[in-house]
Every structure is written in C-alpha cells, then in structure tokens.
C-alpha cells in the first residue's frame, strides 16, 4: 500500500491526469479485493 501511495504522489508531482490517478486507484482496489478472496 505504501508503494502505491508513493507512486500516486510521484505521479501527482509530475502532472498526470486525474484519470491516470483514478485508474491506478481502481487497479489497486481490485488487487486488494482479489487478495481477500
């Protein structure tokens, strides 16, 4: 999770689109859900 947060912060600092951040969050959420199942 910390790695994901660091990646998001890096992308925010380097000017990604909001869509890019949203996509990353969706991927992380799916990965988390898959890990629980």
N, C-alpha and C. Protein backbone atom coordinates (compact mmCIF):
# COMPACT_ATOMS: atom_id res chain seq x y z
N UNK A 1 0.85 -1.20 0.00
CA UNK A 1 0.00 0.00 0.00
C UNK A 1 0.88 1.25 0.00
N UNK A 2 1.95 1.23 0.81
CA UNK A 2 2.84 2.39 0.85
C UNK A 2 3.46 2.65 -0.52
N UNK A 3 3.78 1.56 -1.22
CA UNK A 3 4.37 1.71 -2.55
C UNK A 3 3.37 2.38 -3.49
N UNK A 4 2.11 1.97 -3.39
CA UNK A 4 1.06 2.56 -4.23
C UNK A 4 0.91 4.04 -3.93
N UNK A 5 0.93 4.39 -2.64
CA UNK A 5 0.80 5.80 -2.26
C UNK A 5 1.98 6.60 -2.78
N UNK A 6 3.17 6.03 -2.69
CA UNK A 6 4.36 6.72 -3.18
C UNK A 6 4.26 6.93 -4.69
N UNK A 7 3.73 5.94 -5.38
CA UNK A 7 3.59 6.04 -6.83
C UNK A 7 2.60 7.13 -7.19
N UNK A 8 1.49 7.19 -6.45
CA UNK A 8 0.47 8.21 -6.71
C UNK A 8 1.04 9.60 -6.44
N UNK A 9 1.77 9.75 -5.34
CA UNK A 9 2.38 11.05 -5.03
C UNK A 9 3.36 11.44 -6.12
N UNK A 10 4.13 10.49 -6.61
CA UNK A 10 5.09 10.76 -7.67
C UNK A 10 4.36 11.25 -8.92
N UNK A 11 3.28 10.57 -9.27
CA UNK A 11 2.53 10.95 -10.46
C UNK A 11 1.89 12.32 -10.28
N UNK A 12 1.37 12.59 -9.08
CA UNK A 12 0.75 13.89 -8.83
C UNK A 12 1.78 15.01 -8.99
N UNK A 13 2.98 14.79 -8.48
CA UNK A 13 4.02 15.81 -8.55
C UNK A 13 4.49 16.02 -9.99
N UNK A 14 4.37 14.98 -10.81
CA UNK A 14 4.84 15.08 -12.18
C UNK A 14 3.72 15.33 -13.18
N UNK A 15 2.56 15.73 -12.68
CA UNK A 15 1.49 16.22 -13.54
C UNK A 15 0.77 15.19 -14.38
N UNK A 16 0.24 14.12 -13.78
CA UNK A 16 -0.56 13.18 -14.57
C UNK A 16 -1.99 13.71 -14.65
N UNK A 17 -2.81 13.09 -15.44
CA UNK A 17 -4.21 13.49 -15.47
C UNK A 17 -4.92 12.83 -14.29
N UNK A 18 -6.06 13.37 -13.93
CA UNK A 18 -6.84 12.79 -12.84
C UNK A 18 -7.26 11.37 -13.23
N UNK A 19 -7.48 11.16 -14.52
CA UNK A 19 -7.88 9.83 -14.99
C UNK A 19 -6.80 8.80 -14.69
N UNK A 20 -5.55 9.18 -14.84
CA UNK A 20 -4.45 8.25 -14.56
C UNK A 20 -4.48 7.83 -13.10
N UNK A 21 -4.66 8.81 -12.21
CA UNK A 21 -4.68 8.51 -10.77
C UNK A 21 -5.88 7.63 -10.45
N UNK A 22 -7.03 7.95 -11.05
CA UNK A 22 -8.24 7.17 -10.79
C UNK A 22 -8.05 5.73 -11.26
N UNK A 23 -7.42 5.56 -12.41
CA UNK A 23 -7.17 4.21 -12.93
C UNK A 23 -6.29 3.42 -11.98
N UNK A 24 -5.25 4.07 -11.47
CA UNK A 24 -4.35 3.40 -10.53
C UNK A 24 -5.11 2.99 -9.28
N UNK A 25 -5.95 3.89 -8.77
CA UNK A 25 -6.72 3.58 -7.57
C UNK A 25 -7.65 2.39 -7.82
N UNK A 26 -8.27 2.35 -9.00
CA UNK A 26 -9.16 1.24 -9.32
C UNK A 26 -8.39 -0.07 -9.38
N UNK A 27 -7.22 -0.05 -9.99
CA UNK A 27 -6.39 -1.26 -10.09
C UNK A 27 -5.98 -1.72 -8.70
N UNK A 28 -5.56 -0.78 -7.86
CA UNK A 28 -5.15 -1.13 -6.50
C UNK A 28 -6.31 -1.72 -5.72
N UNK A 29 -7.50 -1.14 -5.91
CA UNK A 29 -8.68 -1.63 -5.19
C UNK A 29 -9.02 -3.05 -5.63
N UNK A 30 -8.97 -3.29 -6.94
CA UNK A 30 -9.26 -4.64 -7.46
C UNK A 30 -8.24 -5.63 -6.93
N UNK A 31 -6.98 -5.24 -6.92
CA UNK A 31 -5.93 -6.14 -6.44
C UNK A 31 -6.17 -6.47 -4.97
N UNK A 32 -6.60 -5.47 -4.21
CA UNK A 32 -6.86 -5.69 -2.78
C UNK A 32 -8.04 -6.64 -2.62
N UNK A 33 -9.11 -6.41 -3.39
CA UNK A 33 -10.29 -7.27 -3.30
C UNK A 33 -9.95 -8.70 -3.71
N UNK A 34 -9.15 -8.85 -4.76
CA UNK A 34 -8.76 -10.18 -5.21
C UNK A 34 -7.92 -10.88 -4.15
N UNK A 35 -7.12 -10.12 -3.43
CA UNK A 35 -6.27 -10.69 -2.40
C UNK A 35 -7.09 -11.20 -1.22
N UNK A 36 -8.26 -10.60 -1.00
CA UNK A 36 -9.09 -11.01 0.13
C UNK A 36 -9.89 -12.26 -0.19
N UNK A 37 -10.11 -12.50 -1.48
CA UNK A 37 -10.94 -13.65 -1.86
C UNK A 37 -10.14 -14.94 -1.94
